C-alpha atoms as a PDB file:
ATOM      1  CA  MET A   1      65.812 105.889 104.068  1.00  0.00           C
ATOM      2  CA  GLU A   2      64.232 103.197 101.915  1.00  0.00           C
ATOM      3  CA  PHE A   3      66.646 101.501  99.518  1.00  0.00           C
ATOM      4  CA  SER A   4      65.331 102.581  96.121  1.00  0.00           C
ATOM      5  CA  HIS A   5      67.338 102.327  92.943  1.00  0.00           C
ATOM      6  CA  TYR A   6      65.687 103.126  89.637  1.00  0.00           C
ATOM      7  CA  PRO A   7      66.473 100.175  87.345  1.00  0.00           C
ATOM      8  CA  VAL A   8      68.237 101.841  84.417  1.00  0.00           C
ATOM      9  CA  MET A   9      67.269 100.683  80.905  1.00  0.00           C
ATOM     10  CA  LEU A  10      65.092  97.963  82.405  1.00  0.00           C
ATOM     11  CA  SER A  11      63.403  96.734  79.234  1.00  0.00           C
ATOM     12  CA  GLU A  12      66.680  96.862  77.297  1.00  0.00           C
ATOM     13  CA  CYS A  13      68.391  94.749  79.971  1.00  0.00           C
ATOM     14  CA  MET A  14      65.620  92.163  79.999  1.00  0.00           C
ATOM     15  CA  GLU A  15      65.730  91.918  76.203  1.00  0.00           C
ATOM     16  CA  GLY A  16      69.516  91.756  76.272  1.00  0.00           C
ATOM     17  CA  LEU A  17      69.536  88.845  78.739  1.00  0.00           C
ATOM     18  CA  ASN A  18      67.240  86.895  76.390  1.00  0.00           C
ATOM     19  CA  ILE A  19      65.602  85.286  79.428  1.00  0.00           C
ATOM     20  CA  ARG A  20      64.259  81.736  79.292  1.00  0.00           C
ATOM     21  CA  GLU A  21      61.738  80.697  81.931  1.00  0.00           C
ATOM     22  CA  ASP A  22      63.888  77.683  82.842  1.00  0.00           C
ATOM     23  CA  GLY A  23      67.219  79.498  82.689  1.00  0.00           C
ATOM     24  CA  ILE A  24      69.685  80.375  85.458  1.00  0.00           C
ATOM     25  CA  TYR A  25      70.650  84.040  85.876  1.00  0.00           C
ATOM     26  CA  VAL A  26      72.880  86.237  88.021  1.00  0.00           C
ATOM     27  CA  ASP A  27      72.224  89.846  88.920  1.00  0.00           C
ATOM     28  CA  GLY A  28      75.659  90.810  90.208  1.00  0.00           C
ATOM     29  CA  THR A  29      74.535  94.212  91.497  1.00  0.00           C
ATOM     30  CA  ALA A  30      71.181  93.699  93.217  1.00  0.00           C
ATOM     31  CA  GLY A  31      70.801  97.222  94.622  1.00  0.00           C
ATOM     32  CA  GLY A  32      67.145  97.664  95.550  1.00  0.00           C
ATOM     33  CA  GLY A  33      66.171  94.592  93.544  1.00  0.00           C
ATOM     34  CA  GLY A  34      64.658  96.433  90.577  1.00  0.00           C
ATOM     35  CA  HIS A  35      66.359  94.471  87.813  1.00  0.00           C
ATOM     36  CA  SER A  36      66.295  91.271  89.892  1.00  0.00           C
ATOM     37  CA  SER A  37      62.539  91.334  90.425  1.00  0.00           C
ATOM     38  CA  GLU A  38      61.947  91.718  86.691  1.00  0.00           C
ATOM     39  CA  ILE A  39      64.198  88.744  85.964  1.00  0.00           C
ATOM     40  CA  ALA A  40      62.467  86.662  88.649  1.00  0.00           C
ATOM     41  CA  LYS A  41      59.020  87.446  87.185  1.00  0.00           C
ATOM     42  CA  ARG A  42      60.058  85.796  83.952  1.00  0.00           C
ATOM     43  CA  LEU A  43      61.191  82.524  85.529  1.00  0.00           C
ATOM     44  CA  THR A  44      59.170  79.389  86.248  1.00  0.00           C
ATOM     45  CA  THR A  45      61.553  76.489  86.802  1.00  0.00           C
ATOM     46  CA  GLY A  46      64.613  78.734  86.408  1.00  0.00           C
ATOM     47  CA  ARG A  47      66.728  80.313  89.152  1.00  0.00           C
ATOM     48  CA  LEU A  48      68.071  83.756  89.952  1.00  0.00           C
ATOM     49  CA  PHE A  49      71.070  84.590  92.120  1.00  0.00           C
ATOM     50  CA  SER A  50      70.952  88.211  93.213  1.00  0.00           C
ATOM     51  CA  LEU A  51      74.296  89.428  94.596  1.00  0.00           C
ATOM     52  CA  ASP A  52      75.428  92.586  96.361  1.00  0.00           C
ATOM     53  CA  GLN A  53      78.255  93.502  98.729  1.00  0.00           C
ATOM     54  CA  ASP A  54      76.232  96.219 100.476  1.00  0.00           C
ATOM     55  CA  PRO A  55      74.347  94.799 103.501  1.00  0.00           C
ATOM     56  CA  ASP A  56      71.621  97.444 103.068  1.00  0.00           C
ATOM     57  CA  ALA A  57      71.096  96.305  99.466  1.00  0.00           C
ATOM     58  CA  VAL A  58      71.012  92.641 100.492  1.00  0.00           C
ATOM     59  CA  LYS A  59      68.275  93.388 103.013  1.00  0.00           C
ATOM     60  CA  ALA A  60      66.257  95.474 100.548  1.00  0.00           C
ATOM     61  CA  ALA A  61      66.617  92.966  97.712  1.00  0.00           C
ATOM     62  CA  GLY A  62      65.647  90.140 100.048  1.00  0.00           C
ATOM     63  CA  GLU A  63      62.397  91.929 100.911  1.00  0.00           C
ATOM     64  CA  ARG A  64      61.605  92.752  97.295  1.00  0.00           C
ATOM     65  CA  LEU A  65      62.317  89.222  96.091  1.00  0.00           C
ATOM     66  CA  ARG A  66      60.414  87.515  98.911  1.00  0.00           C
ATOM     67  CA  PRO A  67      57.488  86.628  96.589  1.00  0.00           C
ATOM     68  CA  TYR A  68      59.841  84.764  94.241  1.00  0.00           C
ATOM     69  CA  PRO A  69      61.063  81.417  95.600  1.00  0.00           C
ATOM     70  CA  GLN A  70      63.205  81.001  92.482  1.00  0.00           C
ATOM     71  CA  ALA A  71      65.383  83.934  93.625  1.00  0.00           C
ATOM     72  CA  GLN A  72      68.223  83.726  96.142  1.00  0.00           C
ATOM     73  CA  VAL A  73      69.964  86.812  97.553  1.00  0.00           C
ATOM     74  CA  ILE A  74      73.642  86.456  98.478  1.00  0.00           C
ATOM     75  CA  ARG A  75      75.929  89.028 100.090  1.00  0.00           C
ATOM     76  CA  THR A  76      79.141  89.010  98.082  1.00  0.00           C
ATOM     77  CA  ASN A  77      81.138  91.116  95.656  1.00  0.00           C
ATOM     78  CA  PHE A  78      80.285  90.220  92.064  1.00  0.00           C
ATOM     79  CA  LYS A  79      83.943  89.467  91.319  1.00  0.00           C
ATOM     80  CA  ASP A  80      83.450  86.470  93.636  1.00  0.00           C
ATOM     81  CA  MET A  81      80.319  85.237  91.890  1.00  0.00           C
ATOM     82  CA  THR A  82      81.972  81.949  90.926  1.00  0.00           C
ATOM     83  CA  ASP A  83      82.290  80.835  94.548  1.00  0.00           C
ATOM     84  CA  ALA A  84      78.753  82.011  95.296  1.00  0.00           C
ATOM     85  CA  ILE A  85      77.215  80.112  92.389  1.00  0.00           C
ATOM     86  CA  LEU A  86      79.272  76.960  92.838  1.00  0.00           C
ATOM     87  CA  GLY A  87      78.342  77.082  96.513  1.00  0.00           C
ATOM     88  CA  ALA A  88      74.724  76.798  95.431  1.00  0.00           C
ATOM     89  CA  ASN A  89      75.542  73.632  93.427  1.00  0.00           C
ATOM     90  CA  VAL A  90      75.235  75.406  90.079  1.00  0.00           C
ATOM     91  CA  GLN A  91      78.003  75.019  87.493  1.00  0.00           C
ATOM     92  CA  LYS A  92      76.861  77.312  84.661  1.00  0.00           C
ATOM     93  CA  VAL A  93      74.391  80.143  84.099  1.00  0.00           C
ATOM     94  CA  ASP A  94      72.505  81.575  81.124  1.00  0.00           C
ATOM     95  CA  GLY A  95      72.919  85.260  81.790  1.00  0.00           C
ATOM     96  CA  VAL A  96      74.694  87.783  83.996  1.00  0.00           C
ATOM     97  CA  LEU A  97      73.705  91.409  84.561  1.00  0.00           C
ATOM     98  CA  LEU A  98      76.033  94.056  86.040  1.00  0.00           C
ATOM     99  CA  ASP A  99      74.636  97.526  86.749  1.00  0.00           C
ATOM    100  CA  LEU A 100      77.807  99.345  87.761  1.00  0.00           C
ATOM    101  CA  GLY A 101      78.489 102.444  89.806  1.00  0.00           C
ATOM    102  CA  VAL A 102      76.933 103.852  92.947  1.00  0.00           C
ATOM    103  CA  SER A 103      73.196 103.473  93.643  1.00  0.00           C
ATOM    104  CA  SER A 104      70.701 106.279  94.212  1.00  0.00           C
ATOM    105  CA  TYR A 105      70.292 105.055  97.773  1.00  0.00           C
ATOM    106  CA  GLN A 106      74.007 105.232  98.455  1.00  0.00           C
ATOM    107  CA  LEU A 107      74.209 108.754  97.025  1.00  0.00           C
ATOM    108  CA  ASP A 108      71.097 109.999  98.815  1.00  0.00           C
ATOM    109  CA  THR A 109      71.921 108.500 102.222  1.00  0.00           C
ATOM    110  CA  ALA A 110      74.142 111.211 103.653  1.00  0.00           C
ATOM    111  CA  GLU A 111      75.849 109.060 106.282  1.00  0.00           C
ATOM    112  CA  ARG A 112      77.268 106.761 103.589  1.00  0.00           C
ATOM    113  CA  GLY A 113      79.585 109.640 102.638  1.00  0.00           C
ATOM    114  CA  PHE A 114      79.364 109.270  98.836  1.00  0.00           C
ATOM    115  CA  SER A 115      77.910 112.671  97.968  1.00  0.00           C
ATOM    116  CA  TYR A 116      79.657 116.028  97.822  1.00  0.00           C
ATOM    117  CA  GLN A 117      76.219 117.656  98.115  1.00  0.00           C
ATOM    118  CA  LYS A 118      75.523 116.329 101.634  1.00  0.00           C
ATOM    119  CA  ASP A 119      77.704 116.896 104.691  1.00  0.00           C
ATOM    120  CA  ALA A 120      78.645 113.608 106.326  1.00  0.00           C
ATOM    121  CA  PRO A 121      81.659 111.618 107.538  1.00  0.00           C
ATOM    122  CA  LEU A 122      83.922 110.602 104.656  1.00  0.00           C
ATOM    123  CA  ASP A 123      83.219 106.931 103.958  1.00  0.00           C
ATOM    124  CA  MET A 124      82.255 105.749 100.414  1.00  0.00           C
ATOM    125  CA  ARG A 125      82.565 102.041 101.231  1.00  0.00           C
ATOM    126  CA  MET A 126      80.037 100.029  99.223  1.00  0.00           C
ATOM    127  CA  SER A 127      80.569  96.983 101.437  1.00  0.00           C
ATOM    128  CA  GLN A 128      80.586  99.103 104.631  1.00  0.00           C
ATOM    129  CA  SER A 129      83.883  97.456 105.549  1.00  0.00           C
ATOM    130  CA  GLY A 130      87.593  97.921 104.834  1.00  0.00           C
ATOM    131  CA  ILE A 131      89.478 101.093 103.948  1.00  0.00           C
ATOM    132  CA  SER A 132      87.353 104.266 103.827  1.00  0.00           C
ATOM    133  CA  ALA A 133      87.584 107.558 101.972  1.00  0.00           C
ATOM    134  CA  ARG A 134      88.747 109.125 105.236  1.00  0.00           C
ATOM    135  CA  ASP A 135      91.693 106.707 105.297  1.00  0.00           C
ATOM    136  CA  VAL A 136      92.627 107.507 101.700  1.00  0.00           C
ATOM    137  CA  VAL A 137      92.409 111.274 102.138  1.00  0.00           C
ATOM    138  CA  ASN A 138      94.306 111.349 105.438  1.00  0.00           C
ATOM    139  CA  THR A 139      97.067 108.797 104.829  1.00  0.00           C
ATOM    140  CA  TYR A 140      97.947 108.626 101.120  1.00  0.00           C
ATOM    141  CA  SER A 141     100.950 110.585  99.855  1.00  0.00           C
ATOM    142  CA  VAL A 142     100.695 113.572  97.528  1.00  0.00           C
ATOM    143  CA  ASP A 143     101.889 111.461  94.616  1.00  0.00           C
ATOM    144  CA  GLU A 144      99.444 108.640  95.296  1.00  0.00           C
ATOM    145  CA  LEU A 145      96.501 111.009  95.772  1.00  0.00           C
ATOM    146  CA  SER A 146      97.473 112.828  92.595  1.00  0.00           C
ATOM    147  CA  ARG A 147      97.631 109.553  90.665  1.00  0.00           C
ATOM    148  CA  ILE A 148      94.186 108.500  91.912  1.00  0.00           C
ATOM    149  CA  LEU A 149      92.594 111.832  91.013  1.00  0.00           C
ATOM    150  CA  ARG A 150      94.276 111.897  87.605  1.00  0.00           C
ATOM    151  CA  GLU A 151      93.668 108.263  86.595  1.00  0.00           C
ATOM    152  CA  TYR A 152      90.263 107.616  88.152  1.00  0.00           C
ATOM    153  CA  GLY A 153      88.784 111.101  87.953  1.00  0.00           C
ATOM    154  CA  GLU A 154      90.560 112.381  84.842  1.00  0.00           C
ATOM    155  CA  GLU A 155      91.189 115.515  86.905  1.00  0.00           C
ATOM    156  CA  LYS A 156      93.621 117.940  85.271  1.00  0.00           C
ATOM    157  CA  PHE A 157      94.213 119.796  88.548  1.00  0.00           C
ATOM    158  CA  ALA A 158      94.991 116.546  90.393  1.00  0.00           C
ATOM    159  CA  TYR A 159      98.361 117.548  91.804  1.00  0.00           C
ATOM    160  CA  ASN A 160      97.140 120.877  93.147  1.00  0.00           C
ATOM    161  CA  ILE A 161      94.155 119.209  94.835  1.00  0.00           C
ATOM    162  CA  ALA A 162      96.376 116.479  96.315  1.00  0.00           C
ATOM    163  CA  LYS A 163      98.891 119.028  97.579  1.00  0.00           C
ATOM    164  CA  ASN A 164      96.155 121.054  99.300  1.00  0.00           C
ATOM    165  CA  ILE A 165      94.619 117.929 100.851  1.00  0.00           C
ATOM    166  CA  VAL A 166      97.961 117.061 102.449  1.00  0.00           C
ATOM    167  CA  ARG A 167      98.514 120.646 103.606  1.00  0.00           C
ATOM    168  CA  HIS A 168      95.100 120.786 105.288  1.00  0.00           C
ATOM    169  CA  ARG A 169      95.410 117.415 107.000  1.00  0.00           C
ATOM    170  CA  GLU A 170      98.710 118.472 108.555  1.00  0.00           C
ATOM    171  CA  GLU A 171      96.695 120.991 110.572  1.00  0.00           C
ATOM    172  CA  SER A 172      93.840 118.596 111.404  1.00  0.00           C
ATOM    173  CA  PRO A 173      92.340 115.435 109.878  1.00  0.00           C
ATOM    174  CA  ILE A 174      89.836 115.817 107.038  1.00  0.00           C
ATOM    175  CA  GLU A 175      86.718 114.178 108.437  1.00  0.00           C
ATOM    176  CA  THR A 176      83.710 115.196 106.328  1.00  0.00           C
ATOM    177  CA  THR A 177      82.537 115.435 102.741  1.00  0.00           C
ATOM    178  CA  PHE A 178      82.062 119.201 102.991  1.00  0.00           C
ATOM    179  CA  GLN A 179      85.595 119.682 104.326  1.00  0.00           C
ATOM    180  CA  LEU A 180      86.955 117.788 101.330  1.00  0.00           C
ATOM    181  CA  SER A 181      84.643 119.650  98.941  1.00  0.00           C
ATOM    182  CA  GLU A 182      85.906 123.031 100.130  1.00  0.00           C
ATOM    183  CA  ILE A 183      89.528 121.957  99.650  1.00  0.00           C
ATOM    184  CA  ILE A 184      88.788 120.766  96.108  1.00  0.00           C
ATOM    185  CA  LYS A 185      86.939 123.957  95.180  1.00  0.00           C
ATOM    186  CA  ALA A 186      89.791 126.095  96.490  1.00  0.00           C
ATOM    187  CA  SER A 187      92.307 124.081  94.470  1.00  0.00           C
ATOM    188  CA  VAL A 188      90.897 124.701  90.982  1.00  0.00           C
ATOM    189  CA  PRO A 189      90.659 127.936  88.967  1.00  0.00           C
ATOM    190  CA  ALA A 190      87.505 130.033  89.310  1.00  0.00           C
ATOM    191  CA  ALA A 191      86.584 129.337  85.690  1.00  0.00           C
ATOM    192  CA  SER A 192      86.416 125.599  86.402  1.00  0.00           C
ATOM    193  CA  ARG A 193      84.201 126.209  89.434  1.00  0.00           C
ATOM    194  CA  ARG A 194      81.772 128.177  87.271  1.00  0.00           C
ATOM    195  CA  GLU A 195      81.498 125.482  84.580  1.00  0.00           C
ATOM    196  CA  LYS A 196      80.296 122.692  86.897  1.00  0.00           C
ATOM    197  CA  ASN A 197      80.898 121.376  90.373  1.00  0.00           C
ATOM    198  CA  PRO A 198      84.608 120.490  90.417  1.00  0.00           C
ATOM    199  CA  CYS A 199      84.067 117.959  93.224  1.00  0.00           C
ATOM    200  CA  LYS A 200      82.404 115.381  90.968  1.00  0.00           C
ATOM    201  CA  ARG A 201      85.621 114.085  89.405  1.00  0.00           C
ATOM    202  CA  SER A 202      87.566 113.889  92.671  1.00  0.00           C
ATOM    203  CA  PHE A 203      84.773 112.202  94.607  1.00  0.00           C
ATOM    204  CA  GLN A 204      84.417 109.655  91.801  1.00  0.00           C
ATOM    205  CA  ALA A 205      88.160 108.996  91.835  1.00  0.00           C
ATOM    206  CA  ILE A 206      88.337 108.480  95.589  1.00  0.00           C
ATOM    207  CA  ARG A 207      85.269 106.233  95.533  1.00  0.00           C
ATOM    208  CA  ILE A 208      86.832 104.078  92.801  1.00  0.00           C
ATOM    209  CA  ALA A 209      90.031 103.778  94.838  1.00  0.00           C
ATOM    210  CA  VAL A 210      88.195 102.928  98.074  1.00  0.00           C
ATOM    211  CA  ASN A 211      86.196 100.140  96.417  1.00  0.00           C
ATOM    212  CA  SER A 212      88.884  98.974  93.927  1.00  0.00           C
ATOM    213  CA  GLU A 213      86.155  99.302  91.315  1.00  0.00           C
ATOM    214  CA  LEU A 214      88.217  98.813  88.167  1.00  0.00           C
ATOM    215  CA  ASP A 215      90.015  95.724  89.509  1.00  0.00           C
ATOM    216  CA  VAL A 216      86.662  94.356  90.652  1.00  0.00           C
ATOM    217  CA  LEU A 217      85.156  95.020  87.217  1.00  0.00           C
ATOM    218  CA  SER A 218      88.001  93.297  85.377  1.00  0.00           C
ATOM    219  CA  GLY A 219      87.775  90.222  87.593  1.00  0.00           C
ATOM    220  CA  GLY A 220      83.984  90.292  87.482  1.00  0.00           C
ATOM    221  CA  ILE A 221      83.836  90.241  83.684  1.00  0.00           C
ATOM    222  CA  ASP A 222      86.211  87.268  83.581  1.00  0.00           C
ATOM    223  CA  ALA A 223      84.228  85.396  86.238  1.00  0.00           C
ATOM    224  CA  ALA A 224      80.908  86.116  84.559  1.00  0.00           C
ATOM    225  CA  PHE A 225      82.100  85.024  81.122  1.00  0.00           C
ATOM    226  CA  ASP A 226      83.544  81.760  82.401  1.00  0.00           C
ATOM    227  CA  LEU A 227      80.277  80.974  84.227  1.00  0.00           C
ATOM    228  CA  LEU A 228      78.151  81.447  81.122  1.00  0.00           C
ATOM    229  CA  ASN A 229      76.779  78.571  79.106  1.00  0.00           C
ATOM    230  CA  ILE A 230      77.401  78.713  75.360  1.00  0.00           C
ATOM    231  CA  GLY A 231      74.759  81.125  74.083  1.00  0.00           C
ATOM    232  CA  GLY A 232      74.574  82.887  77.458  1.00  0.00           C
ATOM    233  CA  ARG A 233      74.545  86.668  77.644  1.00  0.00           C
ATOM    234  CA  LEU A 234      76.627  89.170  79.646  1.00  0.00           C
ATOM    235  CA  VAL A 235      74.828  92.523  80.017  1.00  0.00           C
ATOM    236  CA  ILE A 236      76.692  95.480  81.549  1.00  0.00           C
ATOM    237  CA  ILE A 237      75.588  99.046  82.283  1.00  0.00           C
ATOM    238  CA  THR A 238      78.395 101.567  82.800  1.00  0.00           C
ATOM    239  CA  PHE A 239      78.210 105.153  84.046  1.00  0.00           C
ATOM    240  CA  HIS A 240      81.591 106.714  83.336  1.00  0.00           C
ATOM    241  CA  SER A 241      84.269 106.510  80.664  1.00  0.00           C
ATOM    242  CA  LEU A 242      86.743 104.386  82.647  1.00  0.00           C
ATOM    243  CA  GLU A 243      84.185 101.627  83.221  1.00  0.00           C
ATOM    244  CA  ASP A 244      82.925 101.752  79.652  1.00  0.00           C
ATOM    245  CA  ARG A 245      86.426 101.678  78.196  1.00  0.00           C
ATOM    246  CA  MET A 246      87.289  98.558  80.192  1.00  0.00           C
ATOM    247  CA  VAL A 247      84.069  96.780  79.210  1.00  0.00           C
ATOM    248  CA  LYS A 248      84.537  97.717  75.550  1.00  0.00           C
ATOM    249  CA  GLN A 249      88.151  96.500  75.527  1.00  0.00           C
ATOM    250  CA  LYS A 250      87.471  93.218  77.325  1.00  0.00           C
ATOM    251  CA  PHE A 251      84.479  92.500  75.090  1.00  0.00           C
ATOM    252  CA  ALA A 252      86.609  93.229  72.005  1.00  0.00           C
ATOM    253  CA  GLU A 253      89.298  90.833  73.238  1.00  0.00           C
ATOM    254  CA  LEU A 254      86.738  88.057  73.708  1.00  0.00           C
ATOM    255  CA  CYS A 255      85.388  88.672  70.196  1.00  0.00           C
ATOM    256  CA  LYS A 256      88.820  88.710  68.553  1.00  0.00           C
ATOM    257  CA  GLY A 257      89.654  85.969  66.076  1.00  0.00           C
ATOM    258  CA  CYS A 258      92.992  85.383  64.380  1.00  0.00           C
ATOM    259  CA  THR A 259      95.860  87.352  65.904  1.00  0.00           C
ATOM    260  CA  CYS A 260      98.506  86.435  63.314  1.00  0.00           C
ATOM    261  CA  PRO A 261     100.458  89.298  61.699  1.00  0.00           C
ATOM    262  CA  PRO A 262      98.796  90.399  58.410  1.00  0.00           C
ATOM    263  CA  GLU A 263     101.811  89.282  56.378  1.00  0.00           C
ATOM    264  CA  PHE A 264     101.274  85.616  57.367  1.00  0.00           C
ATOM    265  CA  PRO A 265      99.785  83.735  54.376  1.00  0.00           C
ATOM    266  CA  ILE A 266      97.780  81.386  56.629  1.00  0.00           C
ATOM    267  CA  CYS A 267      96.611  81.423  60.232  1.00  0.00           C
ATOM    268  CA  VAL A 268      98.942  79.639  62.627  1.00  0.00           C
ATOM    269  CA  CYS A 269      97.529  80.961  65.932  1.00  0.00           C
ATOM    270  CA  HIS A 270      94.210  79.082  65.537  1.00  0.00           C
ATOM    271  CA  ASN A 271      92.570  81.647  67.767  1.00  0.00           C
ATOM    272  CA  GLU A 272      88.791  81.773  67.375  1.00  0.00           C
ATOM    273  CA  PRO A 273      86.323  84.336  68.733  1.00  0.00           C
ATOM    274  CA  LYS A 274      84.965  83.310  72.118  1.00  0.00           C
ATOM    275  CA  ALA A 275      81.977  85.652  71.904  1.00  0.00           C
ATOM    276  CA  LYS A 276      80.007  87.992  69.689  1.00  0.00           C
ATOM    277  CA  LEU A 277      78.682  91.477  70.307  1.00  0.00           C
ATOM    278  CA  ILE A 278      74.907  91.806  70.342  1.00  0.00           C
ATOM    279  CA  ASN A 279      75.147  95.576  69.941  1.00  0.00           C
ATOM    280  CA  ARG A 280      78.088  97.083  68.067  1.00  0.00           C
ATOM    281  CA  LYS A 281      77.553 100.461  69.691  1.00  0.00           C
ATOM    282  CA  PRO A 282      76.409 101.010  73.278  1.00  0.00           C
ATOM    283  CA  ILE A 283      72.674 101.306  73.881  1.00  0.00           C
ATOM    284  CA  LEU A 284      71.731 104.635  75.462  1.00  0.00           C
ATOM    285  CA  PRO A 285      68.701 105.597  77.571  1.00  0.00           C
ATOM    286  CA  THR A 286      65.632 106.783  75.722  1.00  0.00           C
ATOM    287  CA  ARG A 287      64.472 110.374  75.930  1.00  0.00           C
ATOM    288  CA  GLU A 288      61.557 109.221  78.094  1.00  0.00           C
ATOM    289  CA  GLU A 289      63.894 107.543  80.570  1.00  0.00           C
ATOM    290  CA  LEU A 290      66.166 110.563  80.739  1.00  0.00           C
ATOM    291  CA  GLU A 291      63.148 112.696  81.655  1.00  0.00           C
ATOM    292  CA  THR A 292      62.176 110.233  84.400  1.00  0.00           C
ATOM    293  CA  ASN A 293      65.608 109.457  85.834  1.00  0.00           C
ATOM    294  CA  ARG A 294      68.296 112.114  85.402  1.00  0.00           C
ATOM    295  CA  ARG A 295      70.959 109.778  86.825  1.00  0.00           C
ATOM    296  CA  SER A 296      70.642 107.578  83.745  1.00  0.00           C
ATOM    297  CA  GLN A 297      72.058 110.284  81.483  1.00  0.00           C
ATOM    298  CA  SER A 298      75.609 108.865  81.412  1.00  0.00           C
ATOM    299  CA  ALA A 299      74.534 105.200  81.206  1.00  0.00           C
ATOM    300  CA  LYS A 300      75.744 102.922  78.409  1.00  0.00           C
ATOM    301  CA  LEU A 301      74.609  99.339  77.884  1.00  0.00           C
ATOM    302  CA  ARG A 302      76.771  96.693  76.200  1.00  0.00           C
ATOM    303  CA  ILE A 303      75.754  93.080  75.542  1.00  0.00           C
ATOM    304  CA  LEU A 304      77.915  90.048  74.761  1.00  0.00           C
ATOM    305  CA  GLU A 305      76.919  86.486  73.835  1.00  0.00           C
ATOM    306  CA  LYS A 306      79.277  83.592  74.578  1.00  0.00           C
ATOM    307  CA  CYS A 307      80.127  81.364  71.589  1.00  0.00           C
ATOM    308  CA  LYS A 308      83.034  79.274  72.837  1.00  0.00           C
ATOM    309  CA  GLU A 309      84.782  78.352  76.083  1.00  0.00           C
ATOM    310  CA  ARG A 310      88.157  79.848  76.877  1.00  0.00           C
ATOM    311  CA  ILE A 311      90.872  77.216  77.057  1.00  0.00           C
END
């Protein structure tokens, strides 16, 4: 299958990055190269570093960006962008874009094992290396599985699902997405099955655990901010509440000024905001985009501008 990934909120991202033709930019989640190609089109003497941990994405982005000599595709996790950029003899950049979550290609390619709607071996590894969903499902304890489902999937029937996973694997290993889906469906009340597919939350939770997505995001935001020049922009698209909450909180921390208790007559902490929010509330997809790309319906876009270096 061709690696295609509809670039969510494309015009909003380009505006948010405030691209200069001589600037240096990082697309930390290249995917199919949709956002990257639009950044590259706007550069003359500038440079673009397009990063992705998925070898399929790296290949696809490389093909799409072939016409743009100012663009360089690098296989790496965006949390490691500092090493990648410094390795290219660049110290600072003018903008970083992160389009989080799983790509359309990864969901639609059955053998990648991300989708509960396609039967395939349990995998879910974005980098195609390391621990897989099969490993998590077949080796983690009831308590650990329950924690993952509860914290990463906000699943209220987490313990029952975890208990049934362990019971089934004692008979034989859980190998496929459909096997796991059937266990999940049988573990929740009938009313929950009628409301919407109950597998969505659990598959999301396991995918987050497999790819350490929240730890990667936290480290990635820190790395991106420290790489930015003063006046540089950090643009992030999230697709679920856990991602968005982390981005919102880390942005708020960077924008925080004085932290002295309110009863202090004067400031003694001397803390100054390191950044400012470009949009106070998240930007949402337009009605037209929602009609074109249903997977954009949960997307939220937040933009930060760096004002000061962290000490």
